[in-house]
Amino acid sequence: MFGDIMGMMGKLKETQQKVEETKARLDNVLIDEQSSDALLKVTLTANRSIKSITIDNALLEDKEQLEDYLILTLNKAIEKATNVNEAEIAAVAKDGMPNIPGMDMFK
């Protein structure tokens, strides 16, 4: 009984370590997004940290338009990065979860 619990605890600790390693790796996974007309380009990590923003000079003439472009493009990039992040973390977590009856957390 206690051996099973200790084994599960060890597996959970190992999974936690793998999740942390995956999070660190995701700092190096870059997500690129751009506006439909390519006047604004952003790059984020899969951990949703902004790495770069490139703005075409045409957008510098209209503050409101630039703000709209930033909001739309950043939101699309954040959504993509979040999807990559969640998929990677879920895969590692699912792989490392002990088989506990009735605990199908990741289907």
C-alpha atoms as a PDB file:
ATOM      1  CA  MET A   1       0.000   0.000   0.000  1.00  0.00           C
ATOM      2  CA  PHE A   2       2.645   2.510   1.094  1.00  0.00           C
ATOM      3  CA  GLY A   3       4.924   1.381  -1.725  1.00  0.00           C
ATOM      4  CA  ASP A   4       2.214   2.262  -4.226  1.00  0.00           C
ATOM      5  CA  ILE A   5       1.723   5.686  -2.664  1.00  0.00           C
ATOM      6  CA  MET A   6       5.465   6.344  -2.570  1.00  0.00           C
ATOM      7  CA  GLY A   7       5.732   5.250  -6.208  1.00  0.00           C
ATOM      8  CA  MET A   8       2.911   7.584  -7.187  1.00  0.00           C
ATOM      9  CA  MET A   9       4.474  10.450  -5.241  1.00  0.00           C
ATOM     10  CA  GLY A  10       7.782   9.843  -7.009  1.00  0.00           C
ATOM     11  CA  LYS A  11       6.046   9.795 -10.379  1.00  0.00           C
ATOM     12  CA  LEU A  12       4.219  13.034  -9.558  1.00  0.00           C
ATOM     13  CA  LYS A  13       7.497  14.701  -8.536  1.00  0.00           C
ATOM     14  CA  GLU A  14       9.117  13.513 -11.769  1.00  0.00           C
ATOM     15  CA  THR A  15       6.169  14.861 -13.763  1.00  0.00           C
ATOM     16  CA  GLN A  16       6.418  18.203 -11.985  1.00  0.00           C
ATOM     17  CA  GLN A  17      10.103  18.368 -12.948  1.00  0.00           C
ATOM     18  CA  LYS A  18       9.239  17.592 -16.600  1.00  0.00           C
ATOM     19  CA  VAL A  19       6.531  20.283 -16.599  1.00  0.00           C
ATOM     20  CA  GLU A  20       9.058  22.830 -15.309  1.00  0.00           C
ATOM     21  CA  GLU A  21      11.566  21.752 -17.989  1.00  0.00           C
ATOM     22  CA  THR A  22       8.865  22.098 -20.639  1.00  0.00           C
ATOM     23  CA  LYS A  23       8.004  25.597 -19.419  1.00  0.00           C
ATOM     24  CA  ALA A  24      11.666  26.582 -19.695  1.00  0.00           C
ATOM     25  CA  ARG A  25      11.866  25.096 -23.213  1.00  0.00           C
ATOM     26  CA  LEU A  26       8.766  27.048 -24.255  1.00  0.00           C
ATOM     27  CA  ASP A  27      10.731  30.257 -23.643  1.00  0.00           C
ATOM     28  CA  ASN A  28      12.630  29.331 -26.814  1.00  0.00           C
ATOM     29  CA  VAL A  29       9.587  28.451 -28.939  1.00  0.00           C
ATOM     30  CA  LEU A  30       8.707  31.522 -31.000  1.00  0.00           C
ATOM     31  CA  ILE A  31       5.235  32.360 -32.320  1.00  0.00           C
ATOM     32  CA  ASP A  32       5.058  34.835 -35.197  1.00  0.00           C
ATOM     33  CA  GLU A  33       1.886  36.723 -36.087  1.00  0.00           C
ATOM     34  CA  GLN A  34       1.174  39.601 -38.416  1.00  0.00           C
ATOM     35  CA  SER A  35      -1.705  41.794 -39.453  1.00  0.00           C
ATOM     36  CA  SER A  36      -3.580  40.755 -42.587  1.00  0.00           C
ATOM     37  CA  ASP A  37      -1.713  43.374 -44.635  1.00  0.00           C
ATOM     38  CA  ALA A  38       1.650  42.622 -42.943  1.00  0.00           C
ATOM     39  CA  LEU A  39       2.051  46.216 -41.684  1.00  0.00           C
ATOM     40  CA  LEU A  40       2.474  44.958 -38.111  1.00  0.00           C
ATOM     41  CA  LYS A  41       4.429  41.880 -37.045  1.00  0.00           C
ATOM     42  CA  VAL A  42       4.861  40.477 -33.546  1.00  0.00           C
ATOM     43  CA  THR A  43       6.878  37.618 -32.120  1.00  0.00           C
ATOM     44  CA  LEU A  44       6.064  36.003 -28.775  1.00  0.00           C
ATOM     45  CA  THR A  45       7.429  33.009 -26.926  1.00  0.00           C
ATOM     46  CA  ALA A  46       5.093  30.108 -26.255  1.00  0.00           C
ATOM     47  CA  ASN A  47       5.118  31.383 -22.660  1.00  0.00           C
ATOM     48  CA  ARG A  48       3.490  34.586 -23.979  1.00  0.00           C
ATOM     49  CA  SER A  49       6.459  36.908 -23.557  1.00  0.00           C
ATOM     50  CA  ILE A  50       6.747  39.532 -26.308  1.00  0.00           C
ATOM     51  CA  LYS A  51      10.080  39.288 -28.122  1.00  0.00           C
ATOM     52  CA  SER A  52       9.623  41.805 -30.934  1.00  0.00           C
ATOM     53  CA  ILE A  53       7.182  44.156 -32.610  1.00  0.00           C
ATOM     54  CA  THR A  54       7.775  45.504 -36.110  1.00  0.00           C
ATOM     55  CA  ILE A  55       5.638  48.433 -37.255  1.00  0.00           C
ATOM     56  CA  ASP A  56       5.522  49.652 -40.848  1.00  0.00           C
ATOM     57  CA  ASN A  57       5.988  53.434 -41.163  1.00  0.00           C
ATOM     58  CA  ALA A  58       2.522  53.720 -42.736  1.00  0.00           C
ATOM     59  CA  LEU A  59       0.972  52.889 -39.356  1.00  0.00           C
ATOM     60  CA  LEU A  60       2.870  55.630 -37.545  1.00  0.00           C
ATOM     61  CA  GLU A  61       0.680  58.306 -39.103  1.00  0.00           C
ATOM     62  CA  ASP A  62      -2.543  57.155 -37.423  1.00  0.00           C
ATOM     63  CA  LYS A  63      -2.348  56.484 -33.680  1.00  0.00           C
ATOM     64  CA  GLU A  64      -5.838  54.973 -33.447  1.00  0.00           C
ATOM     65  CA  GLN A  65      -5.217  52.616 -36.360  1.00  0.00           C
ATOM     66  CA  LEU A  66      -1.897  51.520 -34.830  1.00  0.00           C
ATOM     67  CA  GLU A  67      -3.577  50.824 -31.515  1.00  0.00           C
ATOM     68  CA  ASP A  68      -6.240  48.717 -33.276  1.00  0.00           C
ATOM     69  CA  TYR A  69      -3.559  46.780 -35.168  1.00  0.00           C
ATOM     70  CA  LEU A  70      -1.628  46.138 -31.963  1.00  0.00           C
ATOM     71  CA  ILE A  71      -4.688  44.868 -30.117  1.00  0.00           C
ATOM     72  CA  LEU A  72      -5.828  42.558 -32.914  1.00  0.00           C
ATOM     73  CA  THR A  73      -2.406  41.178 -33.799  1.00  0.00           C
ATOM     74  CA  LEU A  74      -1.223  40.730 -30.222  1.00  0.00           C
ATOM     75  CA  ASN A  75      -4.461  38.964 -29.281  1.00  0.00           C
ATOM     76  CA  LYS A  76      -4.056  36.538 -32.203  1.00  0.00           C
ATOM     77  CA  ALA A  77      -0.430  35.878 -31.243  1.00  0.00           C
ATOM     78  CA  ILE A  78      -1.317  35.365 -27.576  1.00  0.00           C
ATOM     79  CA  GLU A  79      -4.057  32.900 -28.544  1.00  0.00           C
ATOM     80  CA  LYS A  80      -1.627  30.900 -30.697  1.00  0.00           C
ATOM     81  CA  ALA A  81       1.034  30.936 -27.969  1.00  0.00           C
ATOM     82  CA  THR A  82      -1.508  29.849 -25.362  1.00  0.00           C
ATOM     83  CA  ASN A  83      -2.633  26.927 -27.530  1.00  0.00           C
ATOM     84  CA  VAL A  84       0.964  25.749 -28.000  1.00  0.00           C
ATOM     85  CA  ASN A  85       1.735  26.213 -24.305  1.00  0.00           C
ATOM     86  CA  GLU A  86      -1.341  24.346 -23.075  1.00  0.00           C
ATOM     87  CA  ALA A  87      -0.867  21.478 -25.534  1.00  0.00           C
ATOM     88  CA  GLU A  88       2.780  20.993 -24.546  1.00  0.00           C
ATOM     89  CA  ILE A  89       2.135  21.160 -20.792  1.00  0.00           C
ATOM     90  CA  ALA A  90      -0.895  18.847 -21.049  1.00  0.00           C
ATOM     91  CA  ALA A  91       1.101  16.275 -23.035  1.00  0.00           C
ATOM     92  CA  VAL A  92       3.858  16.186 -20.410  1.00  0.00           C
ATOM     93  CA  ALA A  93       1.394  16.116 -17.516  1.00  0.00           C
ATOM     94  CA  LYS A  94      -0.733  13.364 -19.066  1.00  0.00           C
ATOM     95  CA  ASP A  95       2.309  11.227 -19.818  1.00  0.00           C
ATOM     96  CA  GLY A  96       3.520  11.468 -16.246  1.00  0.00           C
ATOM     97  CA  MET A  97       0.287  11.031 -14.328  1.00  0.00           C
ATOM     98  CA  PRO A  98      -0.026   7.816 -12.328  1.00  0.00           C
ATOM     99  CA  ASN A  99      -2.901   5.558 -13.257  1.00  0.00           C
ATOM    100  CA  ILE A 100      -5.428   6.359 -10.539  1.00  0.00           C
ATOM    101  CA  PRO A 101      -8.864   4.813 -11.166  1.00  0.00           C
ATOM    102  CA  GLY A 102     -11.536   7.442 -11.768  1.00  0.00           C
ATOM    103  CA  MET A 103      -9.001  10.228 -12.318  1.00  0.00           C
ATOM    104  CA  ASP A 104      -9.108  10.630 -16.096  1.00  0.00           C
ATOM    105  CA  MET A 105      -8.129  14.301 -15.978  1.00  0.00           C
ATOM    106  CA  PHE A 106      -6.683  14.470 -19.500  1.00  0.00           C
ATOM    107  CA  LYS A 107      -8.852  12.884 -22.146  1.00  0.00           C
END
